[in-house]
C-alpha atoms as a PDB file:
ATOM      1  CA  MET A   1     -34.332 -48.430  -4.093  1.00  0.00           C
ATOM      2  CA  THR A   2     -34.347 -52.131  -3.268  1.00  0.00           C
ATOM      3  CA  VAL A   3     -34.591 -51.433   0.456  1.00  0.00           C
ATOM      4  CA  LEU A   4     -37.377 -48.939  -0.170  1.00  0.00           C
ATOM      5  CA  ALA A   5     -39.311 -51.502  -2.221  1.00  0.00           C
ATOM      6  CA  VAL A   6     -38.864 -54.163   0.476  1.00  0.00           C
ATOM      7  CA  LEU A   7     -39.947 -51.801   3.255  1.00  0.00           C
ATOM      8  CA  THR A   8     -42.999 -50.747   1.257  1.00  0.00           C
ATOM      9  CA  GLY A   9     -43.910 -54.386   0.668  1.00  0.00           C
ATOM     10  CA  LEU A  10     -43.565 -55.142   4.373  1.00  0.00           C
ATOM     11  CA  TRP A  11     -45.530 -52.071   5.405  1.00  0.00           C
ATOM     12  CA  LEU A  12     -48.510 -52.454   3.057  1.00  0.00           C
ATOM     13  CA  PRO A  13     -50.217 -55.411   4.799  1.00  0.00           C
ATOM     14  CA  PHE A  14     -50.106 -53.520   8.111  1.00  0.00           C
ATOM     15  CA  SER A  15     -51.194 -50.167   6.670  1.00  0.00           C
ATOM     16  CA  PRO A  16     -54.689 -48.679   6.597  1.00  0.00           C
ATOM     17  CA  LEU A  17     -54.766 -49.480   2.863  1.00  0.00           C
ATOM     18  CA  ALA A  18     -54.551 -53.237   3.496  1.00  0.00           C
ATOM     19  CA  PRO A  19     -58.292 -54.012   3.731  1.00  0.00           C
ATOM     20  CA  SER A  20     -59.135 -52.124   0.556  1.00  0.00           C
ATOM     21  CA  LEU A  21     -56.315 -53.928  -1.292  1.00  0.00           C
ATOM     22  CA  GLY A  22     -57.327 -57.310   0.130  1.00  0.00           C
ATOM     23  CA  PHE A  23     -54.064 -57.769   2.049  1.00  0.00           C
ATOM     24  CA  VAL A  24     -53.749 -59.539   5.375  1.00  0.00           C
ATOM     25  CA  ALA A  25     -50.834 -59.307   7.790  1.00  0.00           C
ATOM     26  CA  LEU A  26     -48.460 -62.244   7.816  1.00  0.00           C
ATOM     27  CA  PRO A  27     -47.909 -64.106  11.098  1.00  0.00           C
ATOM     28  CA  ALA A  28     -44.787 -63.169  13.036  1.00  0.00           C
ATOM     29  CA  SER A  29     -43.418 -66.699  12.564  1.00  0.00           C
ATOM     30  CA  TYR A  30     -43.063 -65.987   8.831  1.00  0.00           C
ATOM     31  CA  PHE A  31     -40.249 -63.461   9.221  1.00  0.00           C
ATOM     32  CA  PRO A  32     -37.627 -65.718  10.872  1.00  0.00           C
ATOM     33  CA  TRP A  33     -38.254 -68.271   8.117  1.00  0.00           C
ATOM     34  CA  LEU A  34     -37.889 -65.573   5.485  1.00  0.00           C
ATOM     35  CA  ILE A  35     -34.574 -64.438   6.949  1.00  0.00           C
ATOM     36  CA  GLY A  36     -33.348 -68.044   7.159  1.00  0.00           C
ATOM     37  CA  VAL A  37     -34.245 -68.793   3.543  1.00  0.00           C
ATOM     38  CA  LEU A  38     -32.583 -65.595   2.323  1.00  0.00           C
ATOM     39  CA  LEU A  39     -29.399 -66.323   4.290  1.00  0.00           C
ATOM     40  CA  ALA A  40     -29.319 -69.901   2.978  1.00  0.00           C
ATOM     41  CA  TYR A  41     -29.767 -68.624  -0.586  1.00  0.00           C
ATOM     42  CA  CYS A  42     -26.949 -66.086  -0.201  1.00  0.00           C
ATOM     43  CA  THR A  43     -24.650 -68.712   1.312  1.00  0.00           C
ATOM     44  CA  LEU A  44     -25.374 -71.275  -1.392  1.00  0.00           C
ATOM     45  CA  THR A  45     -24.890 -68.687  -4.129  1.00  0.00           C
ATOM     46  CA  GLN A  46     -21.533 -67.645  -2.688  1.00  0.00           C
ATOM     47  CA  LEU A  47     -20.387 -71.266  -2.382  1.00  0.00           C
ATOM     48  CA  VAL A  48     -21.325 -72.076  -5.970  1.00  0.00           C
ATOM     49  CA  LYS A  49     -19.647 -68.907  -7.237  1.00  0.00           C
ATOM     50  CA  THR A  50     -16.456 -69.721  -5.321  1.00  0.00           C
ATOM     51  CA  TRP A  51     -16.479 -73.285  -6.646  1.00  0.00           C
ATOM     52  CA  TYR A  52     -16.984 -72.046 -10.220  1.00  0.00           C
ATOM     53  CA  ILE A  53     -14.096 -69.568 -10.012  1.00  0.00           C
ATOM     54  CA  ARG A  54     -11.755 -72.232  -8.588  1.00  0.00           C
ATOM     55  CA  ARG A  55     -12.820 -74.763 -11.227  1.00  0.00           C
ATOM     56  CA  PHE A  56     -12.620 -72.538 -14.319  1.00  0.00           C
ATOM     57  CA  ASN A  57     -10.228 -69.789 -13.095  1.00  0.00           C
ATOM     58  CA  THR A  58     -12.603 -67.089 -14.306  1.00  0.00           C
ATOM     59  CA  TRP A  59     -15.966 -65.604 -13.531  1.00  0.00           C
ATOM     60  CA  LEU A  60     -18.362 -65.793 -16.444  1.00  0.00           C
END
């Protein structure tokens, strides 16, 4: 369901419905930045989780 929601969100600005919804297509340079930010977030989250487990010997 998450993938379906993401694909729908990416498709809508390029669809025929976009003008009636007031959407505009994002520039192509946006998508590499989006991927980079998401990868950085996932990496940071994993590092903090690993640090927490090592520090407190448990996960929440």
